[in-house]
Protein backbone atom coordinates (compact mmCIF):
# COMPACT_ATOMS: atom_id res chain seq x y z
CA PHE A 1 16.93 1.22 -12.11
CA SER A 2 15.06 2.80 -9.21
CA MET A 3 14.67 6.33 -7.95
CA LYS A 4 16.09 7.11 -4.52
CA PHE A 5 14.19 8.62 -1.61
CA SER A 6 15.70 10.63 1.21
CA SER A 7 16.90 8.84 4.33
CA LYS A 8 14.91 11.40 6.34
CA VAL A 9 11.53 10.58 4.78
CA GLN A 10 12.27 6.86 5.06
CA LYS A 11 12.65 7.27 8.83
CA CYS A 12 9.12 8.72 8.98
CA ASN A 13 6.04 6.53 9.30
CA LEU A 14 2.47 6.79 8.11
CA SER A 15 -0.09 7.57 10.80
CA PRO A 16 -0.47 4.57 13.14
CA ILE A 17 -4.17 5.43 13.38
CA ARG A 18 -4.87 5.46 9.65
CA LYS A 19 -3.85 1.86 9.05
CA PHE A 20 -7.22 0.65 10.32
CA TYR A 21 -9.04 2.62 7.66
CA PRO A 22 -9.50 -0.33 5.23
CA TYR A 23 -11.02 -2.47 8.03
CA GLN A 24 -13.28 0.43 8.95
CA VAL A 25 -14.51 0.70 5.34
CA GLU A 26 -15.27 -3.04 5.23
CA ALA A 27 -17.11 -2.94 8.56
CA LYS A 28 -19.27 -0.04 7.33
CA LYS A 29 -20.03 -1.94 4.10
CA ARG A 30 -21.38 -4.77 6.24
CA GLY A 31 -23.66 -2.22 7.89
CA THR A 32 -21.79 -2.07 11.20
CA LYS A 33 -22.05 1.21 13.10
CA ILE A 34 -18.68 2.37 14.47
CA TYR A 35 -18.26 4.61 17.52
CA HIS A 36 -15.15 6.66 16.74
CA LEU A 37 -12.96 7.36 19.76
CA ASN A 38 -9.85 7.10 17.58
CA ILE A 39 -9.57 10.65 16.24
CA GLY A 40 -9.65 13.92 18.18
CA GLN A 41 -12.10 15.69 15.89
CA PRO A 42 -14.45 17.69 18.14
CA ASP A 43 -18.17 17.69 17.29
CA ILE A 44 -18.68 21.10 18.93
CA GLU A 45 -19.97 23.68 16.44
CA THR A 46 -17.46 26.25 15.16
CA PRO A 47 -18.58 29.73 16.30
CA GLN A 48 -20.69 31.57 13.71
CA ALA A 49 -18.23 34.52 13.80
CA TYR A 50 -15.88 32.49 11.58
CA PHE A 51 -18.40 32.08 8.76
CA ASP A 52 -19.77 35.61 9.08
CA ALA A 53 -16.27 37.03 8.55
CA ILE A 54 -15.94 35.08 5.30
CA LYS A 55 -19.40 36.13 4.09
CA HIS A 56 -18.56 39.79 4.67
CA PHE A 57 -15.17 39.62 2.99
CA GLU A 58 -14.99 42.03 0.06
CA GLN A 59 -11.75 42.67 -1.76
CA PRO A 60 -11.27 42.94 -5.52
CA VAL A 61 -8.02 40.93 -5.46
CA LEU A 62 -7.22 38.05 -3.12
CA GLU A 63 -3.55 38.95 -2.75
CA TYR A 64 -0.62 37.48 -0.81
CA ALA A 65 -0.86 38.12 2.91
CA PRO A 66 2.26 39.37 4.77
CA SER A 67 4.59 36.42 5.53
CA PRO A 68 4.37 36.73 9.36
CA GLY A 69 0.55 36.90 9.20
CA ILE A 70 -2.09 39.59 8.68
CA PRO A 71 -2.14 42.37 11.30
CA GLU A 72 -5.74 41.55 12.40
CA MET A 73 -4.79 37.96 13.22
CA ILE A 74 -1.58 38.93 15.04
CA ASP A 75 -3.49 41.55 17.05
CA ALA A 76 -6.19 39.02 17.95
CA VAL A 77 -3.52 36.68 19.34
CA LYS A 78 -1.76 39.49 21.23
CA LYS A 79 -5.06 40.57 22.81
CA TYR A 80 -5.88 36.97 23.80
CA TYR A 81 -2.52 36.64 25.60
CA ALA A 82 -2.88 40.09 27.19
CA ASN A 83 -6.00 38.67 28.90
CA LEU A 84 -3.70 35.99 30.36
CA ASN A 85 -1.40 38.82 31.49
CA ILE A 86 1.22 37.99 28.84
CA HIS A 87 2.28 41.06 26.87
CA LEU A 88 3.70 40.30 23.45
CA GLU A 89 5.28 42.45 20.76
CA THR A 90 4.04 42.11 17.19
CA SER A 91 7.27 40.36 16.14
CA ASP A 92 6.78 37.70 18.88
CA VAL A 93 3.75 36.29 17.05
CA ILE A 94 4.04 34.42 13.74
CA ILE A 95 0.93 33.02 12.06
CA THR A 96 1.31 29.54 10.53
CA THR A 97 -0.69 26.98 8.60
CA GLY A 98 -1.96 25.16 11.69
CA GLY A 99 0.09 24.29 14.76
CA SER A 100 1.70 21.63 12.55
CA GLU A 101 3.57 24.14 10.41
CA ALA A 102 4.67 26.02 13.53
CA LEU A 103 6.16 22.79 14.89
CA SER A 104 7.83 21.95 11.62
CA MET A 105 9.38 25.42 11.27
CA VAL A 106 10.64 25.56 14.85
CA LEU A 107 12.20 22.11 14.72
CA ASN A 108 13.84 22.88 11.38
CA CYS A 109 15.36 26.00 12.94
CA ILE A 110 16.80 24.32 16.04
CA LEU A 111 17.58 20.68 15.14
CA ASP A 112 20.33 19.21 12.98
CA ASP A 113 21.44 15.72 11.97
CA GLY A 114 22.39 13.85 15.13
CA ASP A 115 20.69 16.29 17.52
CA GLU A 116 18.25 15.12 20.18
CA ILE A 117 15.04 16.50 21.62
CA ILE A 118 13.53 15.24 24.87
CA ILE A 119 9.80 14.51 24.67
CA PRO A 120 7.76 12.69 27.33
CA GLU A 121 6.18 9.54 25.88
CA PRO A 122 3.42 8.66 25.07
CA PHE A 123 3.30 11.72 22.77
CA TYR A 124 1.37 13.02 19.76
CA PRO A 125 2.59 10.67 16.96
CA ASN A 126 3.22 13.44 14.42
CA TYR A 127 6.08 14.72 16.60
CA ASN A 128 7.98 11.72 15.25
CA THR A 129 7.59 12.88 11.65
CA PHE A 130 8.50 16.51 12.37
CA VAL A 131 11.63 15.54 14.33
CA ARG A 132 12.84 12.83 11.93
CA ALA A 133 12.42 15.16 8.96
CA THR A 134 15.16 17.36 10.49
CA GLY A 135 17.60 14.43 10.84
CA ALA A 136 17.37 14.57 14.64
CA THR A 137 15.92 11.97 17.01
CA ILE A 138 13.51 11.99 19.91
CA ARG A 139 15.00 11.03 23.26
CA PRO A 140 11.86 9.73 24.97
CA LEU A 141 11.13 10.41 28.61
CA THR A 142 9.11 7.29 29.39
CA THR A 143 6.07 7.68 31.63
CA ARG A 144 3.76 5.02 33.05
CA PRO A 145 -0.03 4.63 33.27
CA GLU A 146 0.33 3.63 36.95
CA GLU A 147 1.82 7.08 37.67
CA GLY A 148 -0.77 8.94 35.61
CA TYR A 149 1.88 9.51 32.90
CA ASN A 150 3.53 12.15 35.07
CA PHE A 151 6.78 13.48 33.54
CA ALA A 152 7.80 16.59 35.51
CA ASN A 153 10.66 14.92 37.34
CA ARG A 154 14.06 16.63 37.47
CA GLU A 155 16.08 13.44 37.97
CA LYS A 156 14.45 11.60 35.05
CA ILE A 157 14.75 14.55 32.68
CA GLU A 158 18.36 15.42 33.56
CA ALA A 159 19.39 11.79 33.09
CA LEU A 160 18.45 12.18 29.39
CA ILE A 161 20.34 15.43 28.73
CA ASN A 162 23.65 15.12 26.87
CA GLU A 163 25.80 17.20 24.50
CA ASN A 164 23.37 16.49 21.61
CA THR A 165 20.27 17.74 23.46
CA ARG A 166 18.81 20.92 21.96
CA ALA A 167 15.31 21.15 23.41
CA ILE A 168 12.58 19.75 25.60
CA MET A 169 9.06 19.63 24.17
CA PHE A 170 5.79 18.75 25.84
CA THR A 171 2.04 19.12 25.30
CA ASN A 172 0.19 20.77 28.18
CA PRO A 173 -2.68 19.94 28.65
CA GLY A 174 -1.53 16.61 27.31
CA ASN A 175 -2.46 14.68 24.20
CA PRO A 176 -2.71 11.66 24.53
CA THR A 177 -2.51 11.52 28.33
CA GLY A 178 -4.77 14.34 29.55
CA ILE A 179 -2.08 15.42 32.02
CA VAL A 180 -2.08 19.05 33.23
CA LEU A 181 1.10 20.38 34.84
CA LYS A 182 0.85 22.05 38.24
CA PRO A 183 2.39 25.57 38.46
CA GLU A 184 5.43 24.23 40.33
CA GLU A 185 5.91 21.56 37.64
CA MET A 186 5.79 24.26 34.95
CA ARG A 187 8.42 26.19 36.92
CA LEU A 188 10.57 23.05 37.15
CA MET A 189 10.48 22.57 33.35
CA ALA A 190 11.47 26.24 32.93
CA ASP A 191 14.35 25.87 35.41
CA ILE A 192 15.75 22.76 33.69
CA ALA A 193 15.65 24.45 30.26
CA LYS A 194 17.31 27.58 31.65
CA GLU A 195 20.07 25.77 33.57
CA HIS A 196 20.99 23.56 30.61
CA GLY A 197 20.62 26.22 27.89
CA LEU A 198 17.85 24.36 26.06
CA PHE A 199 14.82 25.51 24.13
CA LEU A 200 11.54 24.72 25.91
CA ILE A 201 8.72 24.09 23.44
CA GLY A 202 5.23 24.17 24.91
CA ASP A 203 2.51 22.77 22.66
CA GLU A 204 -0.43 24.51 24.32
CA VAL A 205 -3.23 24.01 21.80
CA TYR A 206 -5.56 22.50 24.45
CA ARG A 207 -5.06 25.32 26.96
CA GLU A 208 -8.79 25.99 27.52
CA PHE A 209 -9.59 22.36 28.27
CA VAL A 210 -8.85 22.03 31.98
CA TYR A 211 -11.40 20.59 34.35
CA GLY A 212 -10.21 21.37 37.86
CA GLY A 213 -10.87 25.11 37.71
CA GLU A 214 -7.16 25.88 37.23
CA PRO A 215 -6.14 29.25 35.74
CA LEU A 216 -5.02 28.94 32.10
CA GLN A 217 -1.27 28.36 31.89
CA THR A 218 1.54 29.06 29.48
CA ILE A 219 5.33 28.81 29.65
CA LEU A 220 5.37 32.42 28.42
CA GLU A 221 4.62 33.54 31.99
CA PHE A 222 8.26 32.90 33.02
CA ASP A 223 10.14 36.06 32.04
CA ASP A 224 13.51 34.54 32.91
CA ILE A 225 13.23 32.02 30.03
CA ALA A 226 12.25 34.56 27.36
CA GLU A 227 15.13 33.28 25.17
CA ASN A 228 14.26 29.59 25.70
CA ALA A 229 10.46 29.54 25.52
CA ILE A 230 8.59 28.70 22.32
CA VAL A 231 4.82 28.25 22.30
CA ILE A 232 2.81 26.40 19.66
CA ASP A 233 -0.83 27.46 19.55
CA SER A 234 -3.79 27.02 17.23
CA VAL A 235 -7.47 27.77 16.64
CA SER A 236 -8.18 24.10 15.82
CA LYS A 237 -9.21 22.79 19.22
CA ARG A 238 -9.87 26.06 21.06
CA PHE A 239 -12.64 27.09 18.63
CA SER A 240 -13.40 23.67 17.13
CA ALA A 241 -12.03 24.94 13.80
CA CYS A 242 -9.60 22.17 12.80
CA GLY A 243 -10.20 22.81 9.10
CA ALA A 244 -9.18 26.47 9.34
CA ARG A 245 -5.50 25.43 9.51
CA ILE A 246 -4.44 28.50 11.46
CA GLY A 247 -1.73 28.16 14.07
CA THR A 248 0.67 30.44 15.88
CA LEU A 249 4.34 30.28 16.75
CA ILE A 250 5.20 32.53 19.69
CA THR A 251 8.71 33.33 20.91
CA ARG A 252 10.47 36.38 22.34
CA ASN A 253 13.81 35.07 21.06
CA LYS A 254 14.67 37.67 18.39
CA GLU A 255 17.25 35.49 16.65
CA LEU A 256 14.81 32.58 16.40
CA GLN A 257 12.19 34.97 14.97
CA GLN A 258 14.67 35.90 12.22
CA GLN A 259 15.45 32.27 11.42
CA VAL A 260 11.76 31.26 11.33
CA MET A 261 11.07 34.17 8.97
CA LYS A 262 13.24 32.45 6.32
CA TYR A 263 10.70 29.60 6.17
CA CYS A 264 7.75 32.00 6.41
CA GLN A 265 8.99 33.98 3.43
CA ALA A 266 9.80 30.84 1.44
CA ARG A 267 6.22 29.62 1.82
CA LEU A 268 5.09 33.18 1.06
CA SER A 269 1.99 33.41 3.25
CA VAL A 270 -0.82 31.72 5.13
CA ALA A 271 -4.30 31.74 3.52
CA THR A 272 -5.83 35.22 3.84
CA LEU A 273 -9.48 34.23 4.27
CA ASP A 274 -8.76 31.71 6.99
CA GLN A 275 -6.73 34.32 8.88
CA ILE A 276 -9.51 36.91 8.64
CA ALA A 277 -12.11 34.37 9.79
CA SER A 278 -9.87 33.05 12.58
CA ALA A 279 -9.20 36.55 13.87
CA ALA A 280 -12.98 36.90 14.22
CA LEU A 281 -13.05 33.75 16.38
CA TYR A 282 -11.07 35.58 19.05
CA THR A 283 -14.00 37.98 19.50
CA VAL A 284 -16.35 35.26 20.81
CA ASP A 285 -17.73 35.74 24.28
CA PRO A 286 -15.80 33.95 27.07
CA SER A 287 -19.05 32.13 27.91
CA TYR A 288 -18.36 30.04 24.78
CA PHE A 289 -15.33 28.47 26.52
CA ASP A 290 -17.27 27.88 29.73
CA ALA A 291 -19.97 25.99 27.85
CA VAL A 292 -17.46 23.94 25.85
CA ARG A 293 -15.41 23.16 28.97
CA GLU A 294 -18.54 22.01 30.80
CA GLU A 295 -19.49 19.77 27.88
CA TYR A 296 -16.06 18.08 27.78
CA LYS A 297 -15.97 17.76 31.55
CA ARG A 298 -19.33 15.95 31.37
CA ARG A 299 -17.85 13.63 28.75
CA ARG A 300 -14.74 13.02 30.83
CA ASP A 301 -16.93 12.26 33.82
CA THR A 302 -18.83 9.78 31.64
CA ILE A 303 -15.91 7.92 30.06
CA TYR A 304 -13.59 7.73 33.07
CA PRO A 305 -15.87 5.82 35.52
CA LYS A 306 -16.92 3.48 32.67
CA LEU A 307 -13.24 2.76 31.92
CA GLN A 308 -12.48 2.25 35.61
CA ALA A 309 -15.32 -0.29 35.80
CA ILE A 310 -13.69 -2.57 33.18
CA PRO A 311 -11.74 -5.25 35.09
CA GLY A 312 -7.97 -4.92 34.66
CA VAL A 313 -7.90 -1.42 33.13
CA VAL A 314 -5.23 0.93 34.49
CA CYS A 315 -5.74 4.67 34.10
CA LYS A 316 -5.79 7.84 36.15
CA GLU A 317 -8.37 10.58 35.69
CA PRO A 318 -7.38 12.92 32.82
CA LYS A 319 -7.17 16.53 34.03
CA GLY A 320 -7.31 18.26 30.65
CA ALA A 321 -7.58 18.10 26.83
CA PHE A 322 -10.10 15.51 25.60
CA HIS A 323 -8.13 12.29 25.50
CA VAL A 324 -7.54 9.55 28.00
CA MET A 325 -4.69 7.05 27.78
CA ALA A 326 -5.32 3.69 29.41
CA LYS A 327 -3.71 0.29 29.80
CA LEU A 328 -6.09 -2.53 28.82
CA PRO A 329 -6.04 -6.14 30.08
CA VAL A 330 -5.04 -7.47 26.62
CA ASP A 331 -1.67 -8.43 25.15
CA ASN A 332 -1.93 -6.32 22.01
CA THR A 333 -4.34 -3.45 21.41
CA ASP A 334 -3.43 -3.36 17.72
CA GLU A 335 -4.70 -6.92 17.33
CA LEU A 336 -7.76 -6.16 19.47
CA GLN A 337 -8.66 -3.19 17.25
CA LYS A 338 -8.38 -5.29 14.10
CA TRP A 339 -10.57 -7.97 15.71
CA LEU A 340 -13.15 -5.37 16.84
CA LEU A 341 -13.49 -4.27 13.22
CA THR A 342 -13.42 -7.66 11.51
CA GLU A 343 -14.89 -10.26 13.90
CA PHE A 344 -16.84 -8.45 16.58
CA GLU A 345 -20.16 -6.64 16.69
CA ASP A 346 -22.94 -6.21 19.21
CA ASN A 347 -26.36 -5.29 17.80
CA GLY A 348 -24.55 -4.25 14.62
CA GLU A 349 -22.16 -1.91 16.45
CA THR A 350 -18.46 -1.74 17.32
CA VAL A 351 -15.86 0.76 18.55
CA MET A 352 -12.57 2.29 17.41
CA TYR A 353 -9.71 3.75 19.50
CA ALA A 354 -6.08 4.61 18.74
CA PRO A 355 -3.72 1.74 19.73
CA GLY A 356 -1.00 2.92 22.13
CA GLU A 357 2.16 1.74 20.40
CA GLY A 358 2.17 4.61 17.87
CA PHE A 359 2.43 7.14 20.72
CA TYR A 360 5.81 5.81 21.90
CA ALA A 361 9.34 6.14 20.56
CA THR A 362 10.61 3.24 22.70
CA PRO A 363 10.11 -0.01 20.75
CA GLY A 364 7.60 -2.39 22.31
CA HIS A 365 6.05 0.21 24.62
CA GLY A 366 2.32 0.92 24.56
CA LYS A 367 1.33 -2.48 23.10
CA ASP A 368 -1.33 -2.91 25.80
CA GLU A 369 -2.39 0.77 25.85
CA VAL A 370 -4.97 2.84 23.97
CA ARG A 371 -5.85 6.47 23.50
CA LEU A 372 -9.55 7.29 23.61
CA ALA A 373 -10.81 10.69 22.45
CA TYR A 374 -13.96 11.64 24.31
CA VAL A 375 -15.37 13.68 21.46
CA LEU A 376 -18.82 12.04 21.28
CA LYS A 377 -21.95 12.97 23.17
CA GLN A 378 -22.72 11.29 26.48
CA ALA A 379 -25.05 8.48 25.36
CA ASP A 380 -22.64 7.52 22.55
CA LEU A 381 -19.68 7.47 24.94
CA GLU A 382 -21.55 5.17 27.33
CA ARG A 383 -22.41 2.79 24.52
CA ALA A 384 -18.84 2.91 23.15
CA MET A 385 -17.45 1.97 26.59
CA ASP A 386 -19.94 -0.90 26.93
CA LEU A 387 -18.81 -2.17 23.52
CA LEU A 388 -15.16 -1.91 24.58
CA ALA A 389 -15.84 -3.83 27.82
CA LEU A 390 -17.75 -6.54 25.95
CA GLY A 391 -15.11 -6.69 23.20
CA ILE A 392 -12.24 -7.15 25.71
CA LYS A 393 -14.16 -9.89 27.50
CA LYS A 394 -14.91 -11.84 24.31
CA TYR A 395 -11.42 -11.30 22.85
CA ASN A 396 -9.72 -12.60 26.00
CA ALA A 397 -12.08 -15.59 26.15
CA LEU A 398 -11.03 -16.50 22.58
CA LYS A 399 -7.35 -16.17 23.48
CA LYS A 400 -7.57 -18.72 26.31
């Protein structure tokens, strides 16, 4: 006699990154220092405005917030977009528990059993869980390290569209690839969605992290796809406030707003204090972003040349976000990671990354790739890259 679990949850996987946790614990017990490039948790300090807002909060009853979000938070988001010359109505903005809930709600509103959504791979692994939980499947648009993981290609995208396709979704700037779409590539994605009657979901949580001086972009700038465009946004990366769990779902599609509201009302509301504190984040001086962008650019300019210097590595310079995806000269980066945690150390130190396979929907892809998050300070990044280079060399020597 055994209890039954849903076919949907059984199609979902645990995080491909978390499986190395037990090895990590053992390595630390042995006294090994680990340089973590495996998780995109920024070390930049959260602006003080967040904590001040909580300290000054005085209300006799901590009551339910309105289901779409508190007015202060919605206004903060509207003002932020107005600075990008995007003018939103109050109903266009829905506050969610992190960008994750926004994704989950949107996909539950637009996908059914047997439906398909086109997503360029490698992609953020949690997309898999959100899509599979709806009964739909990801139709991956495969990209290659040799081409800098570029995906804005009409021919390749249209070849994947069929009668089951409901949407195209992409992260821009990209996690895990660091790709940043050019304005004409953004326009192309908008055109394809419009011509084929598809939703276009832009996961834009890394918008501020662009290193070539580009203006900040959003798919909301194309008025002719007002019905198609859906933006996922968040305070997590922008303000280094991952633990706030405050995200935003933005769409001008009135019918979609109504459908999303069913889920918003069912979960009642998003945490009041985190909304109040997050609204305060939007008051920080723009110089904050300039300083943070400079810091990440410095880190990118540290990690990329060091990666390039490792014989056999294939990767193009990431243009945004704070990840770089690279192909390593090894047969299996999963095995290499396990070995780096169990067998290898140099002066009592080793390194962790995220093996590439978990970022692909196509079986067997990404086995020789890794995602590195450049979220450590410069000296630590240099040391981490030296450890990676040494580790690859020793690992391959053992394999011969």
